[in-house]
Amino acid sequence: MAARTIFDKERQARYLEILAEGKTATHAAKQVAVHLQTVYQKRRRDPEFAAAYDLARKMGTHAMEDEAIRRAVEGNNKGIYWKGERVAYEKEYSDTLLMFMLKAREPEKYRERQDIHHSGEIGGIASRIADARARRLATLAGEDQATDVVTDDDDLLA
């Protein structure tokens, strides 16, 4: 049986530091050599640790947001290579990250939306189709053999 690692105060503090850097809960648990379920049990049983965990996650989210903004606005230096050697850099920006940040910050302004305006009666077309089908069924019922079955709704509207 493998030795159990104790999730002591020192490991808890290091775990929370890693989480506050923007790393995942799984990554932080691996770094301090504890099972993720141990962390979740501690969180359920210890309100003080749970509060520290929530704060560390918020701090981690802020760190991730800062990095996303930096990549979107300041960009990254991307190497340009020729014959296997780096000969220059070019600045690479992320329009996608910037758009996500704008949508998160001001969703009412940047969200994707469709404005659909309808005029007229919604039931009009549906009732015309139903009436045409009923007439067609009545016609077919009067014939000995149904040889012509309408399958296209456009034919019903004619």
Foldseek 3Di string as FASTA:
>chain_A
DDDADDCDPVLLVQLLQVLLLQDDNCVSCVVSVHDSVVLVVCLVVPVVSVVSNVVSNVNSVVNVLVVLVCCAPVADWDFDDDPRDGDGTDGDHDPPSVLVVVCVVCVVVRPDDDDDDDDDDPCPLVVLLVVLVVVVVVVCVPDPHDDDDDDDSVVSND
